[in-house]
Amino acid sequence: MTQAYKNCQSCGMPLKRDEQGGGTNKDGSRSTMYCSKLALGEPFKLHLPLL
């Protein structure tokens, strides 16, 4: 059984506010953990502002 999350486990955005209904897994299925704002196939990166 997979857990359904209310918020993206990367950025914290509420998944119910995601226009595409969530991200996509590598196999093409809908992700219940991550939003659609994450790039497919890309590793997670920490983006810090340049000072």
PDB file of N, CA and C in Angstrom:
ATOM      1  N   MET A   1       0.840  -1.180   0.000  1.00  0.00           N
ATOM      2  CA  MET A   1       0.000   0.000   0.000  1.00  0.00           C
ATOM      3  C   MET A   1       0.885   1.243   0.000  1.00  0.00           C
ATOM      4  N   THR A   2       0.634   2.171  -0.920  1.00  0.00           N
ATOM      5  CA  THR A   2       1.393   3.414  -0.971  1.00  0.00           C
ATOM      6  C   THR A   2       0.622   4.510  -0.233  1.00  0.00           C
ATOM      7  N   GLN A   3       1.355   5.346   0.446  1.00  0.00           N
ATOM      8  CA  GLN A   3       0.747   6.427   1.207  1.00  0.00           C
ATOM      9  C   GLN A   3       0.420   7.588   0.281  1.00  0.00           C
ATOM     10  N   ALA A   4      -0.752   8.168   0.440  1.00  0.00           N
ATOM     11  CA  ALA A   4      -1.122   9.361  -0.313  1.00  0.00           C
ATOM     12  C   ALA A   4      -0.794  10.579   0.546  1.00  0.00           C
ATOM     13  N   TYR A   5      -0.068  11.513  -0.021  1.00  0.00           N
ATOM     14  CA  TYR A   5       0.372  12.702   0.697  1.00  0.00           C
ATOM     15  C   TYR A   5      -0.493  13.891   0.321  1.00  0.00           C
ATOM     16  N   LYS A   6      -0.663  14.823   1.239  1.00  0.00           N
ATOM     17  CA  LYS A   6      -1.415  16.048   0.973  1.00  0.00           C
ATOM     18  C   LYS A   6      -0.536  17.105   0.335  1.00  0.00           C
ATOM     19  N   ASN A   7       0.772  17.071   0.628  1.00  0.00           N
ATOM     20  CA  ASN A   7       1.714  18.066   0.117  1.00  0.00           C
ATOM     21  C   ASN A   7       2.851  17.377  -0.616  1.00  0.00           C
ATOM     22  N   CYS A   8       3.416  18.082  -1.591  1.00  0.00           N
ATOM     23  CA  CYS A   8       4.585  17.594  -2.317  1.00  0.00           C
ATOM     24  C   CYS A   8       5.704  17.343  -1.313  1.00  0.00           C
ATOM     25  N   GLN A   9       6.351  16.202  -1.405  1.00  0.00           N
ATOM     26  CA  GLN A   9       7.405  15.843  -0.474  1.00  0.00           C
ATOM     27  C   GLN A   9       8.737  16.507  -0.807  1.00  0.00           C
ATOM     28  N   SER A  10       8.766  17.332  -1.853  1.00  0.00           N
ATOM     29  CA  SER A  10       9.978  18.082  -2.188  1.00  0.00           C
ATOM     30  C   SER A  10       9.818  19.563  -1.866  1.00  0.00           C
ATOM     31  N   CYS A  11       8.759  20.182  -2.384  1.00  0.00           N
ATOM     32  CA  CYS A  11       8.615  21.639  -2.219  1.00  0.00           C
ATOM     33  C   CYS A  11       7.548  22.036  -1.210  1.00  0.00           C
ATOM     34  N   GLY A  12       6.662  21.110  -0.818  1.00  0.00           N
ATOM     35  CA  GLY A  12       5.641  21.408   0.171  1.00  0.00           C
ATOM     36  C   GLY A  12       4.343  21.968  -0.383  1.00  0.00           C
ATOM     37  N   MET A  13       4.253  22.130  -1.706  1.00  0.00           N
ATOM     38  CA  MET A  13       3.028  22.650  -2.299  1.00  0.00           C
ATOM     39  C   MET A  13       1.878  21.666  -2.073  1.00  0.00           C
ATOM     40  N   PRO A  14       0.674  22.174  -1.704  1.00  0.00           N
ATOM     41  CA  PRO A  14      -0.470  21.269  -1.578  1.00  0.00           C
ATOM     42  C   PRO A  14      -0.771  20.605  -2.922  1.00  0.00           C
ATOM     43  N   LEU A  15      -0.836  19.287  -2.938  1.00  0.00           N
ATOM     44  CA  LEU A  15      -1.051  18.569  -4.200  1.00  0.00           C
ATOM     45  C   LEU A  15      -2.422  18.861  -4.802  1.00  0.00           C
ATOM     46  N   LYS A  16      -3.402  19.221  -3.977  1.00  0.00           N
ATOM     47  CA  LYS A  16      -4.725  19.535  -4.518  1.00  0.00           C
ATOM     48  C   LYS A  16      -4.718  20.835  -5.330  1.00  0.00           C
ATOM     49  N   ARG A  17      -3.672  21.662  -5.175  1.00  0.00           N
ATOM     50  CA  ARG A  17      -3.555  22.908  -5.934  1.00  0.00           C
ATOM     51  C   ARG A  17      -2.738  22.740  -7.210  1.00  0.00           C
ATOM     52  N   ASP A  18      -2.181  21.563  -7.424  1.00  0.00           N
ATOM     53  CA  ASP A  18      -1.375  21.295  -8.615  1.00  0.00           C
ATOM     54  C   ASP A  18      -2.303  21.194  -9.833  1.00  0.00           C
ATOM     55  N   GLU A  19      -2.044  22.016 -10.842  1.00  0.00           N
ATOM     56  CA  GLU A  19      -2.887  22.059 -12.038  1.00  0.00           C
ATOM     57  C   GLU A  19      -2.958  20.709 -12.756  1.00  0.00           C
ATOM     58  N   GLN A  20      -1.883  19.928 -12.665  1.00  0.00           N
ATOM     59  CA  GLN A  20      -1.828  18.647 -13.375  1.00  0.00           C
ATOM     60  C   GLN A  20      -2.165  17.464 -12.472  1.00  0.00           C
ATOM     61  N   GLY A  21      -2.558  17.729 -11.234  1.00  0.00           N
ATOM     62  CA  GLY A  21      -2.971  16.670 -10.326  1.00  0.00           C
ATOM     63  C   GLY A  21      -1.836  15.848  -9.748  1.00  0.00           C
ATOM     64  N   GLY A  22      -0.626  16.360  -9.789  1.00  0.00           N
ATOM     65  CA  GLY A  22       0.531  15.653  -9.257  1.00  0.00           C
ATOM     66  C   GLY A  22       1.570  15.425 -10.332  1.00  0.00           C
ATOM     67  N   GLY A  23       2.727  14.993  -9.912  1.00  0.00           N
ATOM     68  CA  GLY A  23       3.818  14.735 -10.848  1.00  0.00           C
ATOM     69  C   GLY A  23       3.652  13.403 -11.553  1.00  0.00           C
ATOM     70  N   THR A  24       4.656  13.032 -12.314  1.00  0.00           N
ATOM     71  CA  THR A  24       4.647  11.785 -13.063  1.00  0.00           C
ATOM     72  C   THR A  24       5.874  10.965 -12.684  1.00  0.00           C
ATOM     73  N   ASN A  25       5.646   9.679 -12.431  1.00  0.00           N
ATOM     74  CA  ASN A  25       6.747   8.764 -12.155  1.00  0.00           C
ATOM     75  C   ASN A  25       7.459   8.407 -13.454  1.00  0.00           C
ATOM     76  N   LYS A  26       8.653   7.808 -13.343  1.00  0.00           N
ATOM     77  CA  LYS A  26       9.421   7.441 -14.538  1.00  0.00           C
ATOM     78  C   LYS A  26       8.655   6.505 -15.462  1.00  0.00           C
ATOM     79  N   ASP A  27       7.780   5.661 -14.894  1.00  0.00           N
ATOM     80  CA  ASP A  27       7.014   4.723 -15.720  1.00  0.00           C
ATOM     81  C   ASP A  27       5.765   5.357 -16.329  1.00  0.00           C
ATOM     82  N   GLY A  28       5.556   6.663 -16.075  1.00  0.00           N
ATOM     83  CA  GLY A  28       4.428   7.376 -16.656  1.00  0.00           C
ATOM     84  C   GLY A  28       3.202   7.435 -15.757  1.00  0.00           C
ATOM     85  N   SER A  29       3.212   6.732 -14.644  1.00  0.00           N
ATOM     86  CA  SER A  29       2.078   6.762 -13.729  1.00  0.00           C
ATOM     87  C   SER A  29       2.083   8.055 -12.910  1.00  0.00           C
ATOM     88  N   ARG A  30       0.944   8.405 -12.357  1.00  0.00           N
ATOM     89  CA  ARG A  30       0.796   9.634 -11.575  1.00  0.00           C
ATOM     90  C   ARG A  30       1.462   9.464 -10.217  1.00  0.00           C
ATOM     91  N   SER A  31       2.224  10.464  -9.802  1.00  0.00           N
ATOM     92  CA  SER A  31       2.894  10.447  -8.502  1.00  0.00           C
ATOM     93  C   SER A  31       1.957  11.004  -7.438  1.00  0.00           C
ATOM     94  N   THR A  32       1.864  10.318  -6.304  1.00  0.00           N
ATOM     95  CA  THR A  32       1.078  10.815  -5.176  1.00  0.00           C
ATOM     96  C   THR A  32       1.987  11.419  -4.116  1.00  0.00           C
ATOM     97  N   MET A  33       3.286  11.535  -4.439  1.00  0.00           N
ATOM     98  CA  MET A  33       4.253  12.115  -3.498  1.00  0.00           C
ATOM     99  C   MET A  33       4.758  13.484  -3.937  1.00  0.00           C
ATOM    100  N   TYR A  34       4.847  13.717  -5.248  1.00  0.00           N
ATOM    101  CA  TYR A  34       5.497  14.918  -5.767  1.00  0.00           C
ATOM    102  C   TYR A  34       4.591  15.670  -6.734  1.00  0.00           C
ATOM    103  N   CYS A  35       4.756  16.992  -6.791  1.00  0.00           N
ATOM    104  CA  CYS A  35       3.952  17.831  -7.684  1.00  0.00           C
ATOM    105  C   CYS A  35       4.518  17.807  -9.100  1.00  0.00           C
ATOM    106  N   SER A  36       3.793  18.393 -10.010  1.00  0.00           N
ATOM    107  CA  SER A  36       4.190  18.409 -11.421  1.00  0.00           C
ATOM    108  C   SER A  36       5.265  19.450 -11.709  1.00  0.00           C
ATOM    109  N   LYS A  37       5.650  20.259 -10.731  1.00  0.00           N
ATOM    110  CA  LYS A  37       6.673  21.286 -10.944  1.00  0.00           C
ATOM    111  C   LYS A  37       8.079  20.699 -11.012  1.00  0.00           C
ATOM    112  N   LEU A  38       8.247  19.463 -10.549  1.00  0.00           N
ATOM    113  CA  LEU A  38       9.562  18.821 -10.575  1.00  0.00           C
ATOM    114  C   LEU A  38       9.864  18.326 -11.982  1.00  0.00           C
ATOM    115  N   ALA A  39      11.093  18.490 -12.414  1.00  0.00           N
ATOM    116  CA  ALA A  39      11.501  18.041 -13.745  1.00  0.00           C
ATOM    117  C   ALA A  39      11.577  16.516 -13.775  1.00  0.00           C
ATOM    118  N   LEU A  40      11.026  15.924 -14.807  1.00  0.00           N
ATOM    119  CA  LEU A  40      11.069  14.472 -14.947  1.00  0.00           C
ATOM    120  C   LEU A  40      12.483  13.978 -15.174  1.00  0.00           C
ATOM    121  N   GLY A  41      12.854  12.958 -14.454  1.00  0.00           N
ATOM    122  CA  GLY A  41      14.146  12.334 -14.659  1.00  0.00           C
ATOM    123  C   GLY A  41      15.327  13.107 -14.132  1.00  0.00           C
ATOM    124  N   GLU A  42      15.084  14.255 -13.536  1.00  0.00           N
ATOM    125  CA  GLU A  42      16.172  15.072 -13.003  1.00  0.00           C
ATOM    126  C   GLU A  42      16.351  14.767 -11.526  1.00  0.00           C
ATOM    127  N   PRO A  43      17.587  14.742 -11.056  1.00  0.00           N
ATOM    128  CA  PRO A  43      17.804  14.557  -9.625  1.00  0.00           C
ATOM    129  C   PRO A  43      17.364  15.811  -8.879  1.00  0.00           C
ATOM    130  N   PHE A  44      16.961  15.641  -7.630  1.00  0.00           N
ATOM    131  CA  PHE A  44      16.563  16.792  -6.825  1.00  0.00           C
ATOM    132  C   PHE A  44      17.777  17.656  -6.558  1.00  0.00           C
ATOM    133  N   LYS A  45      17.586  18.959  -6.657  1.00  0.00           N
ATOM    134  CA  LYS A  45      18.677  19.900  -6.430  1.00  0.00           C
ATOM    135  C   LYS A  45      18.202  20.958  -5.449  1.00  0.00           C
ATOM    136  N   LEU A  46      19.115  21.421  -4.644  1.00  0.00           N
ATOM    137  CA  LEU A  46      18.832  22.508  -3.730  1.00  0.00           C
ATOM    138  C   LEU A  46      19.198  23.803  -4.433  1.00  0.00           C
ATOM    139  N   HIS A  47      18.198  24.660  -4.644  1.00  0.00           N
ATOM    140  CA  HIS A  47      18.442  25.925  -5.325  1.00  0.00           C
ATOM    141  C   HIS A  47      18.540  27.035  -4.293  1.00  0.00           C
ATOM    142  N   LEU A  48      19.719  27.608  -4.176  1.00  0.00           N
ATOM    143  CA  LEU A  48      19.939  28.705  -3.248  1.00  0.00           C
ATOM    144  C   LEU A  48      20.161  29.997  -4.024  1.00  0.00           C
ATOM    145  N   PRO A  49      19.651  31.115  -3.507  1.00  0.00           N
ATOM    146  CA  PRO A  49      19.867  32.389  -4.187  1.00  0.00           C
ATOM    147  C   PRO A  49      21.334  32.787  -4.137  1.00  0.00           C
ATOM    148  N   LEU A  50      21.777  33.405  -5.197  1.00  0.00           N
ATOM    149  CA  LEU A  50      23.158  33.897  -5.220  1.00  0.00           C
ATOM    150  C   LEU A  50      23.221  35.199  -4.436  1.00  0.00           C
ATOM    151  N   LEU A  51      24.217  35.333  -3.615  1.00  0.00           N
ATOM    152  CA  LEU A  51      24.356  36.556  -2.801  1.00  0.00           C
ATOM    153  C   LEU A  51      25.306  37.521  -3.438  1.00  0.00           C
TER     154      LEU A  51
END
